[in-house]
N, C-alpha and C. Protein backbone atom coordinates (compact mmCIF):
# COMPACT_ATOMS: atom_id res chain seq x y z
N UNK A 1 -65.39 17.24 -82.16
CA UNK A 1 -65.77 18.42 -82.92
C UNK A 1 -64.66 18.73 -83.91
N UNK A 2 -64.94 18.67 -85.18
CA UNK A 2 -63.95 18.97 -86.21
C UNK A 2 -64.00 20.44 -86.56
N UNK A 3 -62.84 21.05 -86.62
CA UNK A 3 -62.75 22.46 -86.97
C UNK A 3 -61.67 22.63 -88.03
N UNK A 4 -61.80 21.90 -89.13
CA UNK A 4 -60.82 21.97 -90.20
C UNK A 4 -60.82 23.35 -90.83
N UNK A 5 -59.63 23.85 -91.11
CA UNK A 5 -59.52 25.14 -91.78
C UNK A 5 -58.70 24.94 -93.04
N UNK A 6 -59.00 25.73 -94.03
CA UNK A 6 -58.21 25.67 -95.26
C UNK A 6 -56.84 26.27 -94.98
N UNK A 7 -55.76 25.58 -95.40
CA UNK A 7 -54.43 26.11 -95.15
C UNK A 7 -54.17 27.34 -96.00
N UNK A 8 -53.39 28.22 -95.46
CA UNK A 8 -52.95 29.39 -96.21
C UNK A 8 -51.48 29.17 -96.51
N UNK A 9 -51.12 28.91 -97.77
CA UNK A 9 -49.70 28.70 -98.09
C UNK A 9 -48.89 29.94 -97.73
N UNK A 10 -47.75 29.71 -97.13
CA UNK A 10 -46.84 30.79 -96.77
C UNK A 10 -45.76 30.82 -97.84
N UNK A 11 -45.58 31.96 -98.47
CA UNK A 11 -44.64 32.05 -99.59
C UNK A 11 -43.19 32.01 -99.12
N UNK A 12 -42.30 31.73 -100.05
CA UNK A 12 -40.87 31.69 -99.75
C UNK A 12 -40.27 30.38 -100.20
N UNK A 13 -39.03 30.15 -99.82
CA UNK A 13 -38.33 28.94 -100.21
C UNK A 13 -38.90 27.74 -99.47
N UNK A 14 -38.68 26.56 -100.05
CA UNK A 14 -39.14 25.34 -99.39
C UNK A 14 -38.36 25.11 -98.10
N UNK A 15 -39.03 24.66 -97.07
CA UNK A 15 -38.32 24.37 -95.81
C UNK A 15 -37.39 23.18 -95.96
N UNK A 16 -36.40 23.10 -95.09
CA UNK A 16 -35.43 22.02 -95.13
C UNK A 16 -35.83 20.85 -94.23
N UNK A 17 -36.72 21.12 -93.24
CA UNK A 17 -37.11 20.10 -92.27
C UNK A 17 -38.62 20.13 -92.05
N UNK A 18 -39.13 19.04 -91.53
CA UNK A 18 -40.52 18.98 -91.09
C UNK A 18 -40.58 19.64 -89.72
N UNK A 19 -41.37 20.69 -89.59
CA UNK A 19 -41.45 21.38 -88.30
C UNK A 19 -42.86 21.87 -88.02
N UNK A 20 -43.13 22.03 -86.73
CA UNK A 20 -44.34 22.67 -86.23
C UNK A 20 -43.87 23.92 -85.52
N UNK A 21 -44.24 25.08 -86.05
CA UNK A 21 -43.84 26.35 -85.42
C UNK A 21 -44.69 26.58 -84.18
N UNK A 22 -44.18 27.35 -83.23
CA UNK A 22 -45.01 27.68 -82.07
C UNK A 22 -46.28 28.40 -82.52
N UNK A 23 -47.45 27.99 -82.02
CA UNK A 23 -48.70 28.66 -82.39
C UNK A 23 -48.63 30.14 -82.02
N UNK A 24 -49.25 30.98 -82.86
CA UNK A 24 -49.19 32.42 -82.60
C UNK A 24 -50.57 33.02 -82.82
N UNK A 25 -51.09 33.81 -81.92
CA UNK A 25 -50.55 34.08 -80.58
C UNK A 25 -50.82 32.91 -79.63
N UNK A 26 -50.09 32.88 -78.57
CA UNK A 26 -50.27 31.89 -77.51
C UNK A 26 -49.69 32.46 -76.23
N UNK A 27 -50.49 32.75 -75.23
CA UNK A 27 -51.91 32.51 -75.05
C UNK A 27 -52.75 33.26 -76.09
N UNK A 28 -53.97 32.74 -76.31
CA UNK A 28 -54.83 33.33 -77.32
C UNK A 28 -56.27 33.41 -76.82
N UNK A 29 -57.05 34.23 -77.51
CA UNK A 29 -58.46 34.41 -77.18
C UNK A 29 -59.25 34.17 -78.46
N UNK A 30 -59.85 33.02 -78.58
CA UNK A 30 -60.72 32.63 -79.69
C UNK A 30 -59.99 31.94 -80.84
N UNK A 31 -58.89 32.47 -81.35
CA UNK A 31 -58.23 31.82 -82.48
C UNK A 31 -56.71 32.00 -82.42
N UNK A 32 -56.01 31.01 -82.96
CA UNK A 32 -54.56 31.07 -83.06
C UNK A 32 -54.15 30.43 -84.38
N UNK A 33 -52.95 30.77 -84.85
CA UNK A 33 -52.46 30.24 -86.12
C UNK A 33 -51.38 29.19 -85.86
N UNK A 34 -51.50 28.08 -86.59
CA UNK A 34 -50.57 26.96 -86.47
C UNK A 34 -49.89 26.80 -87.83
N UNK A 35 -48.55 26.79 -87.86
CA UNK A 35 -47.82 26.66 -89.11
C UNK A 35 -47.00 25.38 -89.12
N UNK A 36 -47.18 24.59 -90.18
CA UNK A 36 -46.45 23.35 -90.36
C UNK A 36 -45.60 23.48 -91.62
N UNK A 37 -44.32 23.13 -91.50
CA UNK A 37 -43.40 23.19 -92.64
C UNK A 37 -43.13 21.79 -93.16
N UNK A 38 -43.23 21.65 -94.48
CA UNK A 38 -43.03 20.35 -95.14
C UNK A 38 -42.02 20.50 -96.28
N UNK A 39 -40.88 19.82 -96.22
CA UNK A 39 -39.92 19.89 -97.32
C UNK A 39 -40.39 19.14 -98.57
N UNK A 40 -41.35 18.24 -98.40
CA UNK A 40 -41.94 17.53 -99.54
C UNK A 40 -43.40 17.23 -99.20
N UNK A 41 -44.18 16.90 -100.21
CA UNK A 41 -45.60 16.61 -100.00
C UNK A 41 -45.75 15.49 -98.97
N UNK A 42 -46.78 15.61 -98.12
CA UNK A 42 -46.95 14.62 -97.05
C UNK A 42 -48.38 14.63 -96.52
N UNK A 43 -48.72 13.54 -95.83
CA UNK A 43 -49.97 13.45 -95.08
C UNK A 43 -49.74 14.15 -93.74
N UNK A 44 -50.62 15.07 -93.39
CA UNK A 44 -50.47 15.85 -92.17
C UNK A 44 -51.72 15.73 -91.32
N UNK A 45 -51.51 15.57 -90.03
CA UNK A 45 -52.61 15.56 -89.07
C UNK A 45 -52.26 16.56 -87.97
N UNK A 46 -53.17 17.50 -87.71
CA UNK A 46 -52.99 18.46 -86.62
C UNK A 46 -54.26 18.39 -85.77
N UNK A 47 -54.10 17.92 -84.53
CA UNK A 47 -55.24 17.66 -83.66
C UNK A 47 -55.03 18.37 -82.33
N UNK A 48 -56.13 18.85 -81.73
CA UNK A 48 -56.08 19.51 -80.42
C UNK A 48 -56.77 18.62 -79.40
N UNK A 49 -56.11 18.46 -78.24
CA UNK A 49 -56.62 17.64 -77.14
C UNK A 49 -56.84 18.51 -75.91
N UNK A 50 -57.80 18.12 -75.07
CA UNK A 50 -57.95 18.79 -73.78
C UNK A 50 -57.03 18.11 -72.77
N UNK A 51 -57.03 18.57 -71.52
CA UNK A 51 -56.11 18.01 -70.52
C UNK A 51 -56.46 16.58 -70.15
N UNK A 52 -57.68 16.14 -70.46
CA UNK A 52 -58.08 14.75 -70.19
C UNK A 52 -57.65 13.82 -71.33
N UNK A 53 -57.07 14.38 -72.40
CA UNK A 53 -56.59 13.58 -73.52
C UNK A 53 -57.65 13.32 -74.59
N UNK A 54 -58.78 14.01 -74.49
CA UNK A 54 -59.84 13.84 -75.49
C UNK A 54 -59.62 14.81 -76.65
N UNK A 55 -59.90 14.35 -77.87
CA UNK A 55 -59.80 15.21 -79.04
C UNK A 55 -60.93 16.23 -78.98
N UNK A 56 -60.56 17.53 -79.08
CA UNK A 56 -61.57 18.59 -79.09
C UNK A 56 -61.67 19.26 -80.45
N UNK A 57 -60.65 19.09 -81.30
CA UNK A 57 -60.69 19.69 -82.64
C UNK A 57 -59.65 19.03 -83.55
N UNK A 58 -60.01 18.92 -84.81
CA UNK A 58 -59.07 18.51 -85.85
C UNK A 58 -58.82 19.74 -86.71
N UNK A 59 -57.61 20.23 -86.67
CA UNK A 59 -57.26 21.46 -87.38
C UNK A 59 -56.88 21.16 -88.83
N UNK A 60 -56.19 20.04 -89.05
CA UNK A 60 -55.80 19.63 -90.41
C UNK A 60 -55.71 18.12 -90.46
N UNK A 61 -56.13 17.57 -91.58
CA UNK A 61 -56.03 16.12 -91.76
C UNK A 61 -56.12 15.83 -93.26
N UNK A 62 -54.97 15.55 -93.86
CA UNK A 62 -54.99 15.29 -95.29
C UNK A 62 -53.61 15.38 -95.91
N UNK A 63 -53.60 15.40 -97.22
CA UNK A 63 -52.37 15.46 -97.99
C UNK A 63 -52.09 16.91 -98.37
N UNK A 64 -50.87 17.36 -98.11
CA UNK A 64 -50.50 18.75 -98.39
C UNK A 64 -49.20 18.79 -99.19
N UNK A 65 -49.07 19.79 -100.04
CA UNK A 65 -47.87 19.96 -100.87
C UNK A 65 -46.70 20.45 -100.02
N UNK A 66 -45.52 20.38 -100.61
CA UNK A 66 -44.33 20.90 -99.93
C UNK A 66 -44.48 22.39 -99.70
N UNK A 67 -43.95 22.87 -98.59
CA UNK A 67 -44.00 24.29 -98.26
C UNK A 67 -44.45 24.52 -96.84
N UNK A 68 -44.76 25.76 -96.53
CA UNK A 68 -45.26 26.12 -95.20
C UNK A 68 -46.76 26.34 -95.30
N UNK A 69 -47.49 25.73 -94.38
CA UNK A 69 -48.94 25.82 -94.38
C UNK A 69 -49.42 26.37 -93.04
N UNK A 70 -50.20 27.44 -93.09
CA UNK A 70 -50.73 28.08 -91.89
C UNK A 70 -52.20 27.70 -91.75
N UNK A 71 -52.57 27.19 -90.57
CA UNK A 71 -53.94 26.81 -90.27
C UNK A 71 -54.45 27.66 -89.11
N UNK A 72 -55.72 27.96 -89.13
CA UNK A 72 -56.32 28.71 -88.03
C UNK A 72 -57.11 27.76 -87.15
N UNK A 73 -56.80 27.77 -85.87
CA UNK A 73 -57.55 26.99 -84.89
C UNK A 73 -58.53 27.93 -84.21
N UNK A 74 -59.81 27.72 -84.48
CA UNK A 74 -60.87 28.55 -83.90
C UNK A 74 -61.41 27.83 -82.67
N UNK A 75 -61.11 28.38 -81.50
CA UNK A 75 -61.51 27.77 -80.23
C UNK A 75 -62.65 28.55 -79.57
N UNK A 76 -63.41 29.29 -80.35
CA UNK A 76 -64.46 30.14 -79.79
C UNK A 76 -65.53 29.35 -79.05
N UNK A 77 -65.68 28.07 -79.35
CA UNK A 77 -66.70 27.26 -78.68
C UNK A 77 -66.15 26.48 -77.48
N UNK A 78 -64.87 26.64 -77.18
CA UNK A 78 -64.24 25.90 -76.09
C UNK A 78 -64.09 26.76 -74.84
N UNK A 79 -63.97 26.10 -73.71
CA UNK A 79 -63.77 26.79 -72.44
C UNK A 79 -62.32 27.24 -72.31
N UNK A 80 -62.10 28.27 -71.51
CA UNK A 80 -60.74 28.72 -71.22
C UNK A 80 -59.96 27.58 -70.59
N UNK A 81 -58.66 27.55 -70.84
CA UNK A 81 -57.83 26.53 -70.21
C UNK A 81 -56.68 26.08 -71.08
N UNK A 82 -56.05 25.01 -70.63
CA UNK A 82 -54.87 24.46 -71.28
C UNK A 82 -55.30 23.37 -72.27
N UNK A 83 -54.70 23.41 -73.46
CA UNK A 83 -54.95 22.42 -74.50
C UNK A 83 -53.61 22.00 -75.08
N UNK A 84 -53.60 20.88 -75.77
CA UNK A 84 -52.38 20.39 -76.40
C UNK A 84 -52.63 20.20 -77.89
N UNK A 85 -51.72 20.72 -78.69
CA UNK A 85 -51.80 20.64 -80.14
C UNK A 85 -50.74 19.64 -80.59
N UNK A 86 -51.15 18.63 -81.37
CA UNK A 86 -50.21 17.62 -81.85
C UNK A 86 -50.22 17.60 -83.37
N UNK A 87 -49.04 17.75 -83.96
CA UNK A 87 -48.88 17.67 -85.41
C UNK A 87 -48.11 16.40 -85.73
N UNK A 88 -48.64 15.64 -86.70
CA UNK A 88 -48.03 14.38 -87.07
C UNK A 88 -47.89 14.27 -88.59
N UNK A 89 -46.70 13.89 -89.02
CA UNK A 89 -46.43 13.46 -90.39
C UNK A 89 -45.80 12.08 -90.22
N UNK A 90 -46.50 11.01 -90.59
CA UNK A 90 -46.01 9.65 -90.32
C UNK A 90 -44.54 9.45 -90.72
N UNK A 91 -43.76 9.03 -89.72
CA UNK A 91 -42.35 8.73 -89.95
C UNK A 91 -41.44 9.95 -90.05
N UNK A 92 -42.01 11.16 -89.97
CA UNK A 92 -41.22 12.38 -90.16
C UNK A 92 -41.35 13.39 -89.03
N UNK A 93 -42.55 13.53 -88.48
CA UNK A 93 -42.80 14.57 -87.49
C UNK A 93 -43.85 14.09 -86.51
N UNK A 94 -43.59 14.32 -85.23
CA UNK A 94 -44.57 14.07 -84.18
C UNK A 94 -44.24 15.03 -83.04
N UNK A 95 -44.87 16.21 -83.08
CA UNK A 95 -44.59 17.25 -82.10
C UNK A 95 -45.86 17.69 -81.41
N UNK A 96 -45.71 18.06 -80.14
CA UNK A 96 -46.83 18.55 -79.34
C UNK A 96 -46.48 19.91 -78.76
N UNK A 97 -47.44 20.82 -78.78
CA UNK A 97 -47.27 22.16 -78.21
C UNK A 97 -48.42 22.43 -77.25
N UNK A 98 -48.15 23.21 -76.22
CA UNK A 98 -49.19 23.65 -75.29
C UNK A 98 -49.89 24.87 -75.86
N UNK A 99 -51.19 24.93 -75.67
CA UNK A 99 -51.99 26.09 -76.05
C UNK A 99 -52.73 26.58 -74.81
N UNK A 100 -52.77 27.88 -74.60
CA UNK A 100 -53.51 28.43 -73.47
C UNK A 100 -54.60 29.36 -74.01
N UNK A 101 -55.84 28.93 -73.84
CA UNK A 101 -56.99 29.72 -74.26
C UNK A 101 -57.46 30.56 -73.08
N UNK A 102 -57.47 31.87 -73.24
CA UNK A 102 -57.91 32.77 -72.17
C UNK A 102 -59.03 33.64 -72.70
N UNK A 103 -59.98 33.88 -71.87
CA UNK A 103 -61.14 34.73 -72.25
C UNK A 103 -61.13 36.02 -71.49
């Protein structure tokens, strides 16, 4: 199930490193915001997995400009529980965060 959201650019200076900020809020009910920082334009993939390792949502997948990009993960169709969010920028970033969906 793909749940791509349009990124909301976060204003300010360009970041110095490739980072995945902790999702906010977390634990969450229905939706949470995921922010990825890019010091230069890059291909970004942000995917959510269930505890069995199956992809349940694609939050972002494509080319993005330098800066901070905020994506909304809408989990309203998913069951309560633990999920894993993985952000990847080939050769630059590969981070995973836990998400707790509570109803």
